[in-house]
């Protein structure tokens, strides 16, 4: 009788000991993540020589259904963008192939999340659109400075990338502004000034041309210039604002004193006297050619024209 009781007792102890042996060792480590935030790496070690399946996980980094073979060590990495206020804990429930189940957990102390890895959320910059009169000439103006870099794309759009340690709302690190929309407002056309015609003289029938005294004629100089940046998006030209001068290109009157976008590689600008009371002196025709050399890095930006 005594021998039987002892045998049963040993059997119970043996079952309990086997159950307690089944466990997962869970540890976590923290490192700064490129671009800001923290990379938390969890290490899970299966204590048994048989396979197990995770049936419950407190964190999505180790999803339920994950398997570990006998004595296997697996690592799982997740990104944390907000500094935790209490220890970060991973709790796993596993079931081994022999039917045993066990729940184990591991934690990372708050002190491991150093402030130097913190992510700062910033609003993307607001970039003004320059849209002078005329069709298809809208462009973006200067990009405000901030914790970001930017690239002007070939279609006129701008891609803005946050610096390391910064993100835009929603957790994104890049924002692309679409090509600017052109209003296609036509430029005002100044009608040509017709010289005055004296009334016909019946006797004798001679038309006398208008007389302009030398003291009444004003001499003016016209001026035009260009800016030829790498690529095409930054090419601009401007005609100086002068009283008594009208500038035309391809038969259209140009807006004076404003940087205009060069829509073709070659542009010819001609200056005309507004009427007989003005006389042009100096250069009156400008033939401008813009290169198409590619930009070495980010395309150059047209200067701040004040528009």
C-alpha atoms as a PDB file:
ATOM      1  CA  UNK A   1       0.000   0.000   0.000  1.00  0.00           C
ATOM      2  CA  UNK A   2       2.768   2.443   0.939  1.00  0.00           C
ATOM      3  CA  UNK A   3       4.681   1.660  -2.209  1.00  0.00           C
ATOM      4  CA  UNK A   4       1.629   2.385  -4.378  1.00  0.00           C
ATOM      5  CA  UNK A   5       1.055   5.799  -2.790  1.00  0.00           C
ATOM      6  CA  UNK A   6       4.653   6.789  -3.331  1.00  0.00           C
ATOM      7  CA  UNK A   7       4.491   5.756  -6.967  1.00  0.00           C
ATOM      8  CA  UNK A   8       1.388   7.861  -7.555  1.00  0.00           C
ATOM      9  CA  UNK A   9       3.058  10.799  -5.853  1.00  0.00           C
ATOM     10  CA  UNK A  10       6.089  10.537  -8.095  1.00  0.00           C
ATOM     11  CA  UNK A  11       3.826  10.435 -11.163  1.00  0.00           C
ATOM     12  CA  UNK A  12       2.080  13.677 -10.157  1.00  0.00           C
ATOM     13  CA  UNK A  13       5.388  15.423  -9.531  1.00  0.00           C
ATOM     14  CA  UNK A  14       6.670  14.251 -12.900  1.00  0.00           C
ATOM     15  CA  UNK A  15       3.664  15.697 -14.771  1.00  0.00           C
ATOM     16  CA  UNK A  16       3.889  19.047 -12.944  1.00  0.00           C
ATOM     17  CA  UNK A  17       7.615  19.271 -13.607  1.00  0.00           C
ATOM     18  CA  UNK A  18       7.133  18.672 -17.345  1.00  0.00           C
ATOM     19  CA  UNK A  19       4.439  21.343 -17.535  1.00  0.00           C
ATOM     20  CA  UNK A  20       6.588  23.893 -15.743  1.00  0.00           C
ATOM     21  CA  UNK A  21       9.483  23.220 -18.105  1.00  0.00           C
ATOM     22  CA  UNK A  22       7.500  24.466 -21.095  1.00  0.00           C
ATOM     23  CA  UNK A  23       8.073  28.215 -21.443  1.00  0.00           C
ATOM     24  CA  UNK A  24       9.277  31.009 -23.711  1.00  0.00           C
ATOM     25  CA  UNK A  25      12.070  33.356 -22.685  1.00  0.00           C
ATOM     26  CA  UNK A  26      11.131  36.864 -23.949  1.00  0.00           C
ATOM     27  CA  UNK A  27      13.570  39.810 -23.924  1.00  0.00           C
ATOM     28  CA  UNK A  28      13.520  43.200 -25.666  1.00  0.00           C
ATOM     29  CA  UNK A  29      16.153  45.712 -26.801  1.00  0.00           C
ATOM     30  CA  UNK A  30      15.816  49.279 -28.109  1.00  0.00           C
ATOM     31  CA  UNK A  31      17.757  51.309 -30.714  1.00  0.00           C
ATOM     32  CA  UNK A  32      17.158  54.612 -32.496  1.00  0.00           C
ATOM     33  CA  UNK A  33      15.455  54.169 -35.850  1.00  0.00           C
ATOM     34  CA  UNK A  34      16.595  55.984 -38.994  1.00  0.00           C
ATOM     35  CA  UNK A  35      14.202  58.862 -39.588  1.00  0.00           C
ATOM     36  CA  UNK A  36      13.225  59.094 -35.920  1.00  0.00           C
ATOM     37  CA  UNK A  37      11.567  56.910 -33.327  1.00  0.00           C
ATOM     38  CA  UNK A  38      12.727  53.678 -31.728  1.00  0.00           C
ATOM     39  CA  UNK A  39      13.259  50.180 -33.149  1.00  0.00           C
ATOM     40  CA  UNK A  40      12.295  47.569 -30.536  1.00  0.00           C
ATOM     41  CA  UNK A  41      13.640  44.048 -31.162  1.00  0.00           C
ATOM     42  CA  UNK A  42      11.962  41.195 -29.283  1.00  0.00           C
ATOM     43  CA  UNK A  43      13.792  37.871 -28.853  1.00  0.00           C
ATOM     44  CA  UNK A  44      11.689  34.755 -28.170  1.00  0.00           C
ATOM     45  CA  UNK A  45      13.358  31.434 -27.206  1.00  0.00           C
ATOM     46  CA  UNK A  46      11.477  28.104 -27.164  1.00  0.00           C
ATOM     47  CA  UNK A  47      12.631  26.065 -24.126  1.00  0.00           C
ATOM     48  CA  UNK A  48      11.515  22.726 -25.529  1.00  0.00           C
ATOM     49  CA  UNK A  49      12.870  20.370 -28.221  1.00  0.00           C
ATOM     50  CA  UNK A  50       9.403  20.263 -29.832  1.00  0.00           C
ATOM     51  CA  UNK A  51       7.539  22.849 -31.864  1.00  0.00           C
ATOM     52  CA  UNK A  52       5.093  25.383 -30.458  1.00  0.00           C
ATOM     53  CA  UNK A  53       2.425  27.745 -31.847  1.00  0.00           C
ATOM     54  CA  UNK A  54       1.635  31.209 -30.475  1.00  0.00           C
ATOM     55  CA  UNK A  55      -2.091  31.302 -29.687  1.00  0.00           C
ATOM     56  CA  UNK A  56      -2.220  34.811 -28.152  1.00  0.00           C
ATOM     57  CA  UNK A  57      -0.006  37.914 -28.484  1.00  0.00           C
ATOM     58  CA  UNK A  58      -0.380  41.267 -26.753  1.00  0.00           C
ATOM     59  CA  UNK A  59       1.488  43.057 -29.583  1.00  0.00           C
ATOM     60  CA  UNK A  60       1.027  42.728 -33.315  1.00  0.00           C
ATOM     61  CA  UNK A  61       4.770  42.392 -33.896  1.00  0.00           C
ATOM     62  CA  UNK A  62       4.398  38.675 -33.026  1.00  0.00           C
ATOM     63  CA  UNK A  63       1.061  37.680 -34.544  1.00  0.00           C
ATOM     64  CA  UNK A  64      -1.013  34.771 -33.292  1.00  0.00           C
ATOM     65  CA  UNK A  65      -0.265  31.684 -35.370  1.00  0.00           C
ATOM     66  CA  UNK A  66       3.505  32.247 -35.296  1.00  0.00           C
ATOM     67  CA  UNK A  67       5.428  28.983 -34.858  1.00  0.00           C
ATOM     68  CA  UNK A  68       8.789  28.158 -33.294  1.00  0.00           C
ATOM     69  CA  UNK A  69      10.547  24.852 -33.856  1.00  0.00           C
ATOM     70  CA  UNK A  70      12.303  22.958 -31.075  1.00  0.00           C
ATOM     71  CA  UNK A  71      14.752  25.154 -29.106  1.00  0.00           C
ATOM     72  CA  UNK A  72      14.397  27.846 -31.814  1.00  0.00           C
ATOM     73  CA  UNK A  73      15.266  31.527 -31.170  1.00  0.00           C
ATOM     74  CA  UNK A  74      13.354  34.082 -33.240  1.00  0.00           C
ATOM     75  CA  UNK A  75      13.546  37.889 -33.317  1.00  0.00           C
ATOM     76  CA  UNK A  76      10.764  40.337 -34.181  1.00  0.00           C
ATOM     77  CA  UNK A  77      11.230  44.097 -34.685  1.00  0.00           C
ATOM     78  CA  UNK A  78       8.633  46.862 -34.404  1.00  0.00           C
ATOM     79  CA  UNK A  79       8.799  50.672 -34.651  1.00  0.00           C
ATOM     80  CA  UNK A  80       7.629  52.882 -31.777  1.00  0.00           C
ATOM     81  CA  UNK A  81       7.044  56.558 -32.649  1.00  0.00           C
ATOM     82  CA  UNK A  82       5.667  57.816 -29.308  1.00  0.00           C
ATOM     83  CA  UNK A  83       7.748  57.477 -26.148  1.00  0.00           C
ATOM     84  CA  UNK A  84       5.913  55.086 -23.765  1.00  0.00           C
ATOM     85  CA  UNK A  85       4.985  56.205 -20.261  1.00  0.00           C
ATOM     86  CA  UNK A  86       5.187  52.679 -18.787  1.00  0.00           C
ATOM     87  CA  UNK A  87       7.299  49.594 -19.573  1.00  0.00           C
ATOM     88  CA  UNK A  88       6.645  48.144 -23.015  1.00  0.00           C
ATOM     89  CA  UNK A  89       5.484  44.542 -22.514  1.00  0.00           C
ATOM     90  CA  UNK A  90       5.129  41.590 -24.893  1.00  0.00           C
ATOM     91  CA  UNK A  91       2.949  38.777 -23.488  1.00  0.00           C
ATOM     92  CA  UNK A  92       2.676  35.479 -25.411  1.00  0.00           C
ATOM     93  CA  UNK A  93       0.591  32.346 -24.856  1.00  0.00           C
ATOM     94  CA  UNK A  94       1.965  29.251 -26.602  1.00  0.00           C
ATOM     95  CA  UNK A  95       0.790  25.690 -27.153  1.00  0.00           C
ATOM     96  CA  UNK A  96       3.359  22.953 -27.714  1.00  0.00           C
ATOM     97  CA  UNK A  97       2.811  19.925 -29.950  1.00  0.00           C
ATOM     98  CA  UNK A  98       2.357  17.712 -26.884  1.00  0.00           C
ATOM     99  CA  UNK A  99      -0.617  19.798 -25.711  1.00  0.00           C
ATOM    100  CA  UNK A 100       1.037  21.869 -22.965  1.00  0.00           C
ATOM    101  CA  UNK A 101       0.238  25.631 -22.877  1.00  0.00           C
ATOM    102  CA  UNK A 102       2.045  28.443 -21.095  1.00  0.00           C
ATOM    103  CA  UNK A 103       1.929  32.272 -20.936  1.00  0.00           C
ATOM    104  CA  UNK A 104       5.164  34.249 -20.592  1.00  0.00           C
ATOM    105  CA  UNK A 105       6.068  37.910 -20.920  1.00  0.00           C
ATOM    106  CA  UNK A 106       9.033  40.257 -21.259  1.00  0.00           C
ATOM    107  CA  UNK A 107       9.305  44.042 -20.852  1.00  0.00           C
ATOM    108  CA  UNK A 108      11.489  46.994 -21.876  1.00  0.00           C
ATOM    109  CA  UNK A 109      11.920  49.793 -19.304  1.00  0.00           C
ATOM    110  CA  UNK A 110      10.830  53.348 -20.160  1.00  0.00           C
ATOM    111  CA  UNK A 111      14.380  54.563 -19.494  1.00  0.00           C
ATOM    112  CA  UNK A 112      15.572  52.597 -22.550  1.00  0.00           C
ATOM    113  CA  UNK A 113      13.615  54.980 -24.826  1.00  0.00           C
ATOM    114  CA  UNK A 114      16.068  57.907 -24.947  1.00  0.00           C
ATOM    115  CA  UNK A 115      14.823  61.351 -25.987  1.00  0.00           C
ATOM    116  CA  UNK A 116      17.419  61.666 -28.750  1.00  0.00           C
ATOM    117  CA  UNK A 117      15.390  59.188 -30.831  1.00  0.00           C
ATOM    118  CA  UNK A 118      12.100  61.099 -30.494  1.00  0.00           C
ATOM    119  CA  UNK A 119      10.103  61.960 -33.634  1.00  0.00           C
ATOM    120  CA  UNK A 120       8.868  65.527 -34.127  1.00  0.00           C
ATOM    121  CA  UNK A 121       5.677  66.069 -36.126  1.00  0.00           C
ATOM    122  CA  UNK A 122       5.849  69.124 -38.408  1.00  0.00           C
ATOM    123  CA  UNK A 123       3.388  70.606 -40.861  1.00  0.00           C
ATOM    124  CA  UNK A 124       4.534  70.541 -44.502  1.00  0.00           C
ATOM    125  CA  UNK A 125       5.356  73.993 -45.931  1.00  0.00           C
ATOM    126  CA  UNK A 126       2.855  76.062 -47.891  1.00  0.00           C
ATOM    127  CA  UNK A 127       4.451  76.910 -51.248  1.00  0.00           C
ATOM    128  CA  UNK A 128       3.049  79.929 -53.156  1.00  0.00           C
ATOM    129  CA  UNK A 129       2.002  79.551 -56.794  1.00  0.00           C
ATOM    130  CA  UNK A 130       3.195  82.142 -59.329  1.00  0.00           C
ATOM    131  CA  UNK A 131       0.591  82.553 -62.072  1.00  0.00           C
ATOM    132  CA  UNK A 132       1.238  85.580 -64.316  1.00  0.00           C
ATOM    133  CA  UNK A 133      -1.188  86.404 -67.096  1.00  0.00           C
ATOM    134  CA  UNK A 134      -1.058  84.140 -70.108  1.00  0.00           C
ATOM    135  CA  UNK A 135      -1.703  80.432 -70.670  1.00  0.00           C
ATOM    136  CA  UNK A 136       0.187  77.496 -69.109  1.00  0.00           C
ATOM    137  CA  UNK A 137       2.806  79.493 -67.188  1.00  0.00           C
ATOM    138  CA  UNK A 138       1.952  78.791 -63.539  1.00  0.00           C
ATOM    139  CA  UNK A 139       4.934  77.696 -61.393  1.00  0.00           C
ATOM    140  CA  UNK A 140       5.694  77.257 -57.703  1.00  0.00           C
ATOM    141  CA  UNK A 141       7.484  80.087 -55.920  1.00  0.00           C
ATOM    142  CA  UNK A 142      10.261  79.696 -53.338  1.00  0.00           C
ATOM    143  CA  UNK A 143       9.854  76.792 -50.876  1.00  0.00           C
ATOM    144  CA  UNK A 144       9.985  78.057 -47.246  1.00  0.00           C
ATOM    145  CA  UNK A 145      12.911  76.765 -45.210  1.00  0.00           C
ATOM    146  CA  UNK A 146      12.341  74.160 -42.481  1.00  0.00           C
ATOM    147  CA  UNK A 147      13.347  70.648 -41.372  1.00  0.00           C
ATOM    148  CA  UNK A 148      12.947  69.240 -44.872  1.00  0.00           C
ATOM    149  CA  UNK A 149      14.498  69.017 -48.340  1.00  0.00           C
ATOM    150  CA  UNK A 150      12.689  69.266 -51.670  1.00  0.00           C
ATOM    151  CA  UNK A 151      13.014  68.358 -55.350  1.00  0.00           C
ATOM    152  CA  UNK A 152      11.217  70.022 -58.278  1.00  0.00           C
ATOM    153  CA  UNK A 153      10.004  67.270 -60.613  1.00  0.00           C
ATOM    154  CA  UNK A 154       9.914  67.472 -64.395  1.00  0.00           C
ATOM    155  CA  UNK A 155       6.128  67.984 -64.501  1.00  0.00           C
ATOM    156  CA  UNK A 156       6.323  70.996 -62.153  1.00  0.00           C
ATOM    157  CA  UNK A 157       5.304  69.111 -58.992  1.00  0.00           C
ATOM    158  CA  UNK A 158       7.431  69.327 -55.824  1.00  0.00           C
ATOM    159  CA  UNK A 159       8.394  66.393 -53.565  1.00  0.00           C
ATOM    160  CA  UNK A 160       9.188  67.461 -49.974  1.00  0.00           C
ATOM    161  CA  UNK A 161      11.050  65.026 -47.662  1.00  0.00           C
ATOM    162  CA  UNK A 162      11.222  65.474 -43.868  1.00  0.00           C
ATOM    163  CA  UNK A 163      14.680  65.475 -42.254  1.00  0.00           C
ATOM    164  CA  UNK A 164      15.647  62.579 -39.939  1.00  0.00           C
ATOM    165  CA  UNK A 165      13.798  62.842 -36.618  1.00  0.00           C
ATOM    166  CA  UNK A 166      10.814  64.582 -38.229  1.00  0.00           C
ATOM    167  CA  UNK A 167       7.557  63.404 -39.776  1.00  0.00           C
ATOM    168  CA  UNK A 168       4.536  65.004 -41.351  1.00  0.00           C
ATOM    169  CA  UNK A 169       1.061  64.429 -39.837  1.00  0.00           C
ATOM    170  CA  UNK A 170      -0.072  60.864 -40.370  1.00  0.00           C
ATOM    171  CA  UNK A 171       3.420  59.424 -39.952  1.00  0.00           C
ATOM    172  CA  UNK A 172       4.563  60.155 -43.521  1.00  0.00           C
ATOM    173  CA  UNK A 173       8.040  61.452 -44.332  1.00  0.00           C
ATOM    174  CA  UNK A 174       7.341  62.688 -47.890  1.00  0.00           C
ATOM    175  CA  UNK A 175       4.688  64.975 -49.368  1.00  0.00           C
ATOM    176  CA  UNK A 176       4.272  65.666 -53.100  1.00  0.00           C
ATOM    177  CA  UNK A 177       2.580  68.885 -54.236  1.00  0.00           C
ATOM    178  CA  UNK A 178       0.818  68.361 -57.602  1.00  0.00           C
ATOM    179  CA  UNK A 179       1.690  70.537 -60.631  1.00  0.00           C
ATOM    180  CA  UNK A 180       0.237  74.027 -60.082  1.00  0.00           C
ATOM    181  CA  UNK A 181      -3.038  74.809 -61.800  1.00  0.00           C
ATOM    182  CA  UNK A 182      -2.900  77.661 -64.326  1.00  0.00           C
ATOM    183  CA  UNK A 183      -5.764  80.180 -64.376  1.00  0.00           C
ATOM    184  CA  UNK A 184      -5.104  80.930 -68.078  1.00  0.00           C
ATOM    185  CA  UNK A 185      -6.096  84.574 -67.565  1.00  0.00           C
ATOM    186  CA  UNK A 186      -5.243  86.433 -70.803  1.00  0.00           C
ATOM    187  CA  UNK A 187      -2.844  89.354 -70.642  1.00  0.00           C
ATOM    188  CA  UNK A 188      -4.332  92.813 -71.314  1.00  0.00           C
ATOM    189  CA  UNK A 189      -3.710  93.996 -74.849  1.00  0.00           C
ATOM    190  CA  UNK A 190      -2.833  97.660 -75.335  1.00  0.00           C
ATOM    191  CA  UNK A 191      -4.421  98.875 -78.587  1.00  0.00           C
ATOM    192  CA  UNK A 192      -2.004 100.556 -80.979  1.00  0.00           C
ATOM    193  CA  UNK A 193      -2.005 104.345 -80.864  1.00  0.00           C
ATOM    194  CA  UNK A 194      -2.907 105.794 -84.246  1.00  0.00           C
ATOM    195  CA  UNK A 195      -1.184 109.075 -85.112  1.00  0.00           C
ATOM    196  CA  UNK A 196      -3.556 112.033 -85.394  1.00  0.00           C
ATOM    197  CA  UNK A 197      -4.707 112.904 -88.881  1.00  0.00           C
ATOM    198  CA  UNK A 198      -5.369 116.521 -89.769  1.00  0.00           C
ATOM    199  CA  UNK A 199      -8.677 117.250 -91.447  1.00  0.00           C
ATOM    200  CA  UNK A 200      -8.409 117.408 -95.236  1.00  0.00           C
ATOM    201  CA  UNK A 201      -7.726 120.808 -96.759  1.00  0.00           C
ATOM    202  CA  UNK A 202      -9.923 121.535 -99.706  1.00  0.00           C
ATOM    203  CA  UNK A 203      -7.638 124.077-101.288  1.00  0.00           C
ATOM    204  CA  UNK A 204      -4.980 122.981-101.944  1.00  0.00           C
ATOM    205  CA  UNK A 205      -5.785 119.244-101.421  1.00  0.00           C
ATOM    206  CA  UNK A 206      -2.671 118.468 -99.394  1.00  0.00           C
ATOM    207  CA  UNK A 207      -2.608 116.432 -96.180  1.00  0.00           C
ATOM    208  CA  UNK A 208      -0.204 118.014 -93.730  1.00  0.00           C
ATOM    209  CA  UNK A 209       1.536 115.428 -91.448  1.00  0.00           C
ATOM    210  CA  UNK A 210       1.475 116.150 -87.751  1.00  0.00           C
ATOM    211  CA  UNK A 211       4.354 118.265 -86.637  1.00  0.00           C
ATOM    212  CA  UNK A 212       6.351 117.176 -83.635  1.00  0.00           C
ATOM    213  CA  UNK A 213       8.750 119.769 -82.354  1.00  0.00           C
ATOM    214  CA  UNK A 214      12.189 118.509 -81.241  1.00  0.00           C
ATOM    215  CA  UNK A 215      11.547 119.701 -77.718  1.00  0.00           C
ATOM    216  CA  UNK A 216       8.464 117.494 -77.536  1.00  0.00           C
ATOM    217  CA  UNK A 217      10.183 114.189 -78.440  1.00  0.00           C
ATOM    218  CA  UNK A 218      11.420 112.117 -75.495  1.00  0.00           C
ATOM    219  CA  UNK A 219      14.246 109.634 -75.983  1.00  0.00           C
ATOM    220  CA  UNK A 220      13.911 106.337 -74.077  1.00  0.00           C
ATOM    221  CA  UNK A 221      15.931 103.115 -73.885  1.00  0.00           C
ATOM    222  CA  UNK A 222      14.263  99.732 -73.887  1.00  0.00           C
ATOM    223  CA  UNK A 223      15.678  96.800 -71.965  1.00  0.00           C
ATOM    224  CA  UNK A 224      15.076  93.045 -71.734  1.00  0.00           C
ATOM    225  CA  UNK A 225      16.950  90.289 -69.945  1.00  0.00           C
ATOM    226  CA  UNK A 226      16.713  86.547 -69.249  1.00  0.00           C
ATOM    227  CA  UNK A 227      17.547  83.962 -66.573  1.00  0.00           C
ATOM    228  CA  UNK A 228      18.682  80.580 -67.938  1.00  0.00           C
ATOM    229  CA  UNK A 229      18.635  77.946 -65.159  1.00  0.00           C
ATOM    230  CA  UNK A 230      19.437  74.268 -65.497  1.00  0.00           C
ATOM    231  CA  UNK A 231      16.467  72.299 -66.779  1.00  0.00           C
ATOM    232  CA  UNK A 232      13.513  74.246 -68.139  1.00  0.00           C
ATOM    233  CA  UNK A 233      11.217  74.950 -65.203  1.00  0.00           C
ATOM    234  CA  UNK A 234      13.256  77.952 -63.982  1.00  0.00           C
ATOM    235  CA  UNK A 235      13.750  79.752 -67.356  1.00  0.00           C
ATOM    236  CA  UNK A 236      12.419  83.336 -67.159  1.00  0.00           C
ATOM    237  CA  UNK A 237      12.664  86.616 -69.065  1.00  0.00           C
ATOM    238  CA  UNK A 238      11.590  90.162 -68.257  1.00  0.00           C
ATOM    239  CA  UNK A 239      11.145  93.443 -70.113  1.00  0.00           C
ATOM    240  CA  UNK A 240      11.840  96.662 -68.242  1.00  0.00           C
ATOM    241  CA  UNK A 241       8.956  98.977 -67.492  1.00  0.00           C
ATOM    242  CA  UNK A 242       9.559 102.154 -69.491  1.00  0.00           C
ATOM    243  CA  UNK A 243       7.177 105.014 -70.260  1.00  0.00           C
ATOM    244  CA  UNK A 244       6.688 105.274 -74.009  1.00  0.00           C
ATOM    245  CA  UNK A 245       7.835 101.692 -74.842  1.00  0.00           C
ATOM    246  CA  UNK A 246       5.732  98.702 -75.913  1.00  0.00           C
ATOM    247  CA  UNK A 247       7.276  95.207 -76.011  1.00  0.00           C
ATOM    248  CA  UNK A 248       5.950  92.408 -78.189  1.00  0.00           C
ATOM    249  CA  UNK A 249       6.758  88.744 -78.775  1.00  0.00           C
ATOM    250  CA  UNK A 250       5.041  86.789 -81.523  1.00  0.00           C
ATOM    251  CA  UNK A 251       2.679  89.706 -82.010  1.00  0.00           C
ATOM    252  CA  UNK A 252       1.521  89.755 -78.365  1.00  0.00           C
ATOM    253  CA  UNK A 253       2.126  92.640 -76.002  1.00  0.00           C
ATOM    254  CA  UNK A 254       4.252  91.581 -73.025  1.00  0.00           C
ATOM    255  CA  UNK A 255       3.601  92.502 -69.439  1.00  0.00           C
ATOM    256  CA  UNK A 256       6.324  94.859 -68.245  1.00  0.00           C
ATOM    257  CA  UNK A 257       8.354  94.635 -65.049  1.00  0.00           C
ATOM    258  CA  UNK A 258       7.454  90.987 -64.338  1.00  0.00           C
ATOM    259  CA  UNK A 259       9.423  87.758 -64.750  1.00  0.00           C
ATOM    260  CA  UNK A 260       7.666  85.717 -67.424  1.00  0.00           C
ATOM    261  CA  UNK A 261       8.075  81.984 -67.951  1.00  0.00           C
ATOM    262  CA  UNK A 262       9.876  80.923 -71.125  1.00  0.00           C
ATOM    263  CA  UNK A 263       7.551  78.364 -72.743  1.00  0.00           C
ATOM    264  CA  UNK A 264       9.834  77.747 -75.740  1.00  0.00           C
ATOM    265  CA  UNK A 265      13.605  77.449 -76.120  1.00  0.00           C
ATOM    266  CA  UNK A 266      13.845  80.548 -78.374  1.00  0.00           C
ATOM    267  CA  UNK A 267      12.043  83.824 -77.796  1.00  0.00           C
ATOM    268  CA  UNK A 268      12.351  87.093 -79.756  1.00  0.00           C
ATOM    269  CA  UNK A 269      11.372  90.343 -78.029  1.00  0.00           C
ATOM    270  CA  UNK A 270      10.944  93.615 -79.960  1.00  0.00           C
ATOM    271  CA  UNK A 271      10.534  97.103 -78.544  1.00  0.00           C
ATOM    272  CA  UNK A 272       8.365  99.816 -80.193  1.00  0.00           C
ATOM    273  CA  UNK A 273       7.787 103.491 -79.443  1.00  0.00           C
ATOM    274  CA  UNK A 274       4.324 104.014 -77.994  1.00  0.00           C
ATOM    275  CA  UNK A 275       3.643 106.990 -80.248  1.00  0.00           C
ATOM    276  CA  UNK A 276       5.354 109.799 -82.159  1.00  0.00           C
ATOM    277  CA  UNK A 277       6.267 111.669 -78.975  1.00  0.00           C
ATOM    278  CA  UNK A 278       8.809 108.974 -78.083  1.00  0.00           C
ATOM    279  CA  UNK A 279      11.947 107.837 -79.862  1.00  0.00           C
ATOM    280  CA  UNK A 280      13.793 104.616 -79.016  1.00  0.00           C
ATOM    281  CA  UNK A 281      17.545 104.687 -78.636  1.00  0.00           C
ATOM    282  CA  UNK A 282      19.868 101.685 -78.360  1.00  0.00           C
ATOM    283  CA  UNK A 283      18.967  97.995 -78.676  1.00  0.00           C
ATOM    284  CA  UNK A 284      15.422  97.236 -79.762  1.00  0.00           C
ATOM    285  CA  UNK A 285      15.469  93.487 -80.583  1.00  0.00           C
ATOM    286  CA  UNK A 286      16.465  90.637 -78.199  1.00  0.00           C
ATOM    287  CA  UNK A 287      16.759  87.051 -79.384  1.00  0.00           C
ATOM    288  CA  UNK A 288      16.867  84.807 -76.304  1.00  0.00           C
ATOM    289  CA  UNK A 289      17.816  81.113 -76.351  1.00  0.00           C
ATOM    290  CA  UNK A 290      17.483  78.916 -73.282  1.00  0.00           C
ATOM    291  CA  UNK A 291      19.611  75.802 -72.741  1.00  0.00           C
ATOM    292  CA  UNK A 292      18.245  72.418 -71.690  1.00  0.00           C
ATOM    293  CA  UNK A 293      21.226  71.244 -69.717  1.00  0.00           C
ATOM    294  CA  UNK A 294      20.166  68.873 -66.896  1.00  0.00           C
ATOM    295  CA  UNK A 295      20.540  69.815 -63.252  1.00  0.00           C
ATOM    296  CA  UNK A 296      23.354  68.156 -61.305  1.00  0.00           C
ATOM    297  CA  UNK A 297      21.150  67.714 -58.241  1.00  0.00           C
ATOM    298  CA  UNK A 298      17.927  69.480 -57.382  1.00  0.00           C
ATOM    299  CA  UNK A 299      16.862  71.902 -60.172  1.00  0.00           C
ATOM    300  CA  UNK A 300      17.570  75.522 -59.507  1.00  0.00           C
ATOM    301  CA  UNK A 301      14.692  77.725 -58.382  1.00  0.00           C
ATOM    302  CA  UNK A 302      13.657  80.908 -60.126  1.00  0.00           C
ATOM    303  CA  UNK A 303      14.476  83.991 -58.016  1.00  0.00           C
ATOM    304  CA  UNK A 304      11.836  85.613 -55.867  1.00  0.00           C
ATOM    305  CA  UNK A 305      10.211  87.943 -58.381  1.00  0.00           C
ATOM    306  CA  UNK A 306       7.814  89.478 -55.859  1.00  0.00           C
ATOM    307  CA  UNK A 307       4.721  88.000 -57.491  1.00  0.00           C
END
